[in-house]
C-alpha atoms as a PDB file:
ATOM      1  CA  MET A   1       8.369  33.886 -15.056  1.00  0.00           C
ATOM      2  CA  ILE A   2       8.505  31.553 -12.286  1.00  0.00           C
ATOM      3  CA  PRO A   3       9.510  27.674 -13.126  1.00  0.00           C
ATOM      4  CA  PRO A   4       6.442  25.858 -12.307  1.00  0.00           C
ATOM      5  CA  VAL A   5       8.836  23.217  -9.549  1.00  0.00           C
ATOM      6  CA  VAL A   6       9.287  26.322  -7.915  1.00  0.00           C
ATOM      7  CA  SER A   7       5.914  27.249  -8.120  1.00  0.00           C
ATOM      8  CA  SER A   8       4.382  24.474  -7.373  1.00  0.00           C
ATOM      9  CA  ARG A   9       7.552  23.720  -4.743  1.00  0.00           C
ATOM     10  CA  ALA A  10       6.147  26.717  -2.761  1.00  0.00           C
ATOM     11  CA  ALA A  11       2.859  26.117  -3.063  1.00  0.00           C
ATOM     12  CA  THR A  12       3.069  22.919  -1.405  1.00  0.00           C
ATOM     13  CA  HIS A  13       5.481  24.182   1.026  1.00  0.00           C
ATOM     14  CA  ARG A  14       2.448  27.376   2.137  1.00  0.00           C
ATOM     15  CA  TRP A  15      -0.335  24.192   1.988  1.00  0.00           C
ATOM     16  CA  PHE A  16       1.740  21.921   5.089  1.00  0.00           C
ATOM     17  CA  ALA A  17       2.544  25.209   6.223  1.00  0.00           C
ATOM     18  CA  ALA A  18      -0.973  25.813   6.638  1.00  0.00           C
ATOM     19  CA  ARG A  19      -1.610  23.180   8.582  1.00  0.00           C
ATOM     20  CA  GLY A  20       1.583  23.173  10.779  1.00  0.00           C
ATOM     21  CA  GLU A  21       3.893  20.781   8.953  1.00  0.00           C
ATOM     22  CA  THR A  22       7.446  21.363   9.768  1.00  0.00           C
ATOM     23  CA  ASP A  23       8.462  18.898   8.118  1.00  0.00           C
ATOM     24  CA  TRP A  24       6.879  19.470   4.826  1.00  0.00           C
ATOM     25  CA  PRO A  25       9.091  16.906   2.432  1.00  0.00           C
ATOM     26  CA  ARG A  26       8.500  14.109   4.687  1.00  0.00           C
ATOM     27  CA  SER A  27       4.533  15.102   5.238  1.00  0.00           C
ATOM     28  CA  TRP A  28       4.076  15.432   0.951  1.00  0.00           C
ATOM     29  CA  ALA A  29       5.166  11.646   0.978  1.00  0.00           C
ATOM     30  CA  SER A  30       3.222  10.883   3.932  1.00  0.00           C
ATOM     31  CA  GLU A  31       0.012  12.226   2.956  1.00  0.00           C
ATOM     32  CA  ALA A  32       0.541  11.062  -0.726  1.00  0.00           C
ATOM     33  CA  LEU A  33       1.027   7.472   0.195  1.00  0.00           C
ATOM     34  CA  HIS A  34      -1.352   7.627   2.801  1.00  0.00           C
ATOM     35  CA  THR A  35      -3.678   9.211   1.130  1.00  0.00           C
ATOM     36  CA  ILE A  36      -4.281  10.564  -2.623  1.00  0.00           C
ATOM     37  CA  PHE A  37      -2.948   7.190  -3.834  1.00  0.00           C
ATOM     38  CA  PRO A  38      -5.040   4.769  -1.803  1.00  0.00           C
ATOM     39  CA  ILE A  39      -8.177   7.541  -3.229  1.00  0.00           C
ATOM     40  CA  LEU A  40      -6.909   7.118  -6.683  1.00  0.00           C
ATOM     41  CA  LEU A  41      -6.694   3.297  -6.632  1.00  0.00           C
ATOM     42  CA  VAL A  42     -10.528   3.235  -5.470  1.00  0.00           C
ATOM     43  CA  LEU A  43     -10.878   5.624  -8.135  1.00  0.00           C
ATOM     44  CA  ASP A  44      -9.331   3.063 -10.520  1.00  0.00           C
ATOM     45  CA  TRP A  45     -11.013   0.373  -9.133  1.00  0.00           C
ATOM     46  CA  ILE A  46     -14.378   1.925  -9.507  1.00  0.00           C
ATOM     47  CA  PHE A  47     -13.489   3.212 -13.283  1.00  0.00           C
ATOM     48  CA  VAL A  48     -11.833   1.105 -14.515  1.00  0.00           C
ATOM     49  CA  ASP A  49     -13.703  -1.912 -15.558  1.00  0.00           C
ATOM     50  CA  ASP A  50     -11.491  -4.288 -17.527  1.00  0.00           C
ATOM     51  CA  ARG A  51      -9.862  -6.788 -15.138  1.00  0.00           C
ATOM     52  CA  SER A  52     -11.375 -10.203 -15.339  1.00  0.00           C
ATOM     53  CA  PRO A  53     -11.480 -11.658 -11.566  1.00  0.00           C
ATOM     54  CA  LEU A  54      -8.784 -12.985  -8.960  1.00  0.00           C
ATOM     55  CA  PRO A  55      -8.637 -16.688  -8.664  1.00  0.00           C
ATOM     56  CA  TRP A  56      -8.986 -17.046  -4.863  1.00  0.00           C
ATOM     57  CA  ARG A  57      -6.023 -19.233  -4.355  1.00  0.00           C
ATOM     58  CA  ARG A  58      -3.717 -15.745  -5.333  1.00  0.00           C
ATOM     59  CA  LEU A  59      -4.762 -14.648  -1.997  1.00  0.00           C
ATOM     60  CA  TRP A  60      -1.260 -15.018  -0.163  1.00  0.00           C
ATOM     61  CA  ALA A  61       0.477 -13.330  -2.835  1.00  0.00           C
ATOM     62  CA  VAL A  62      -0.725  -9.964  -1.221  1.00  0.00           C
ATOM     63  CA  LEU A  63       1.663 -10.875   1.723  1.00  0.00           C
ATOM     64  CA  PRO A  64       5.484 -11.154   0.542  1.00  0.00           C
ATOM     65  CA  TYR A  65       6.699  -7.927   0.157  1.00  0.00           C
ATOM     66  CA  PRO A  66       4.718  -6.265   3.485  1.00  0.00           C
ATOM     67  CA  VAL A  67       6.821  -9.389   5.060  1.00  0.00           C
ATOM     68  CA  LEU A  68       9.831  -8.760   3.952  1.00  0.00           C
ATOM     69  CA  TRP A  69       9.192  -4.304   4.374  1.00  0.00           C
ATOM     70  CA  LEU A  70       8.230  -5.658   8.253  1.00  0.00           C
ATOM     71  CA  GLY A  71      11.497  -7.430   8.566  1.00  0.00           C
ATOM     72  CA  VAL A  72      13.628  -5.062   7.043  1.00  0.00           C
ATOM     73  CA  VAL A  73      12.254  -2.609   9.441  1.00  0.00           C
ATOM     74  CA  LEU A  74      11.955  -3.849  12.538  1.00  0.00           C
ATOM     75  CA  VAL A  75      15.858  -5.627  11.996  1.00  0.00           C
ATOM     76  CA  ARG A  76      17.237  -2.067  11.281  1.00  0.00           C
ATOM     77  CA  GLY A  77      14.526  -0.620  14.776  1.00  0.00           C
ATOM     78  CA  ALA A  78      17.028  -3.022  16.520  1.00  0.00           C
ATOM     79  CA  THR A  79      20.336  -1.483  14.747  1.00  0.00           C
ATOM     80  CA  ASP A  80      19.784   2.212  14.095  1.00  0.00           C
ATOM     81  CA  GLY A  81      16.464   2.765  16.066  1.00  0.00           C
ATOM     82  CA  TRP A  82      14.236   4.618  13.396  1.00  0.00           C
ATOM     83  CA  VAL A  83      11.763   2.815  12.148  1.00  0.00           C
ATOM     84  CA  PRO A  84       8.931   5.159  10.158  1.00  0.00           C
ATOM     85  CA  TYR A  85       5.642   4.438  12.964  1.00  0.00           C
ATOM     86  CA  GLY A  86       5.995   4.944  16.314  1.00  0.00           C
ATOM     87  CA  PHE A  87       3.912   1.665  16.479  1.00  0.00           C
ATOM     88  CA  LEU A  88       7.457  -0.219  15.316  1.00  0.00           C
ATOM     89  CA  LEU A  89       9.553   1.038  18.291  1.00  0.00           C
ATOM     90  CA  PRO A  90      11.647  -1.880  19.904  1.00  0.00           C
ATOM     91  CA  GLU A  91      11.730  -0.077  23.104  1.00  0.00           C
ATOM     92  CA  ARG A  92       7.869  -0.698  22.991  1.00  0.00           C
ATOM     93  CA  GLY A  93       8.757  -4.530  23.455  1.00  0.00           C
ATOM     94  CA  ALA A  94       8.081  -7.381  22.214  1.00  0.00           C
ATOM     95  CA  VAL A  95       4.292  -8.696  22.298  1.00  0.00           C
ATOM     96  CA  SER A  96       3.953  -5.028  20.973  1.00  0.00           C
ATOM     97  CA  LEU A  97       5.699  -5.389  17.727  1.00  0.00           C
ATOM     98  CA  ALA A  98       4.664  -8.999  17.219  1.00  0.00           C
ATOM     99  CA  THR A  99       0.578  -7.792  17.994  1.00  0.00           C
ATOM    100  CA  HIS A 100       0.893  -4.651  15.872  1.00  0.00           C
ATOM    101  CA  ALA A 101       3.210  -6.866  13.223  1.00  0.00           C
ATOM    102  CA  ALA A 102       0.384  -9.210  13.129  1.00  0.00           C
ATOM    103  CA  GLY A 103      -2.472  -6.239  13.378  1.00  0.00           C
ATOM    104  CA  LEU A 104      -1.081  -5.045   9.632  1.00  0.00           C
ATOM    105  CA  LEU A 105      -0.488  -7.880   8.382  1.00  0.00           C
ATOM    106  CA  LEU A 106      -4.620  -8.699   8.746  1.00  0.00           C
ATOM    107  CA  ALA A 107      -5.432  -5.574   7.783  1.00  0.00           C
ATOM    108  CA  LEU A 108      -3.420  -6.347   4.214  1.00  0.00           C
ATOM    109  CA  LEU A 109      -4.874  -9.606   3.810  1.00  0.00           C
ATOM    110  CA  VAL A 110      -8.120  -8.381   4.646  1.00  0.00           C
ATOM    111  CA  SER A 111      -7.945  -5.175   2.105  1.00  0.00           C
ATOM    112  CA  GLY A 112      -6.995  -8.244  -0.516  1.00  0.00           C
ATOM    113  CA  ALA A 113      -9.858  -9.656   0.100  1.00  0.00           C
ATOM    114  CA  LEU A 114     -12.019  -7.304  -0.916  1.00  0.00           C
ATOM    115  CA  VAL A 115      -9.970  -6.060  -4.012  1.00  0.00           C
ATOM    116  CA  TRP A 116     -10.882 -10.118  -4.567  1.00  0.00           C
ATOM    117  CA  ALA A 117     -14.136  -9.895  -3.491  1.00  0.00           C
ATOM    118  CA  LEU A 118     -14.258  -6.629  -6.190  1.00  0.00           C
ATOM    119  CA  SER A 119     -12.955  -8.811  -8.969  1.00  0.00           C
ATOM    120  CA  ARG A 120     -15.670 -10.479  -8.778  1.00  0.00           C
ATOM    121  CA  THR A 121     -18.478  -7.729  -8.979  1.00  0.00           C
ATOM    122  CA  ARG A 122     -21.222  -7.770 -11.379  1.00  0.00           C
ATOM    123  CA  ALA A 123     -19.457  -4.588 -13.507  1.00  0.00           C
ATOM    124  CA  ARG A 124     -16.285  -6.555 -13.654  1.00  0.00           C
ATOM    125  CA  ARG A 125     -17.748  -9.838 -15.190  1.00  0.00           C
ATOM    126  CA  ARG A 126     -17.676  -7.927 -18.676  1.00  0.00           C
ATOM    127  CA  VAL A 127     -14.603  -8.721 -18.723  1.00  0.00           C
ATOM    128  CA  PRO A 128     -13.571 -12.781 -19.677  1.00  0.00           C
ATOM    129  CA  ALA A 129     -11.387 -14.583 -17.566  1.00  0.00           C
ATOM    130  CA  VAL A 130      -8.323 -15.725 -19.406  1.00  0.00           C
ATOM    131  CA  ARG A 131      -8.067 -19.714 -19.101  1.00  0.00           C
ATOM    132  CA  ARG A 132      -4.672 -21.199 -19.878  1.00  0.00           C
ATOM    133  CA  SER A 133      -4.339 -24.664 -20.788  1.00  0.00           C
ATOM    134  CA  PRO A 134      -1.867 -26.782 -19.136  1.00  0.00           C
ATOM    135  CA  THR A 135       1.508 -27.324 -20.650  1.00  0.00           C
ATOM    136  CA  ARG A 136       3.296 -30.159 -21.351  1.00  0.00           C
ATOM    137  CA  ILE A 137       6.476 -30.380 -20.517  1.00  0.00           C
ATOM    138  CA  GLY A 138       8.881 -31.436 -23.454  1.00  0.00           C
ATOM    139  CA  ALA A 139       6.541 -30.569 -25.623  1.00  0.00           C
END
């Protein structure tokens, strides 16, 4: 009997090898991050109906992590030359980096706005929004 870990690893290797991928562990992670997780996220938003509408004033909350991630990636690219995506290579110049960074953050903000808007669809209105009363300091 072949242990499940070995057989799933072999199956994963065969799947990526059939697609011409030679660096399959990294390819698998990229496939999961850029294809599988987004599909699962959309399915979750379609079929799980337990969320209240998101307040528009909190849309900014989608930005801190990506801004921090982008900063770390750009510092690392400048110090040791490694970046996860070719369009973030420092050799491409400051204008290219700034344009791509702005485009990424704008795309993320638009995606966040889409999620915020989806939270207001008719199916989502069944869940009442949690209303909090103002808390008095010292009470």
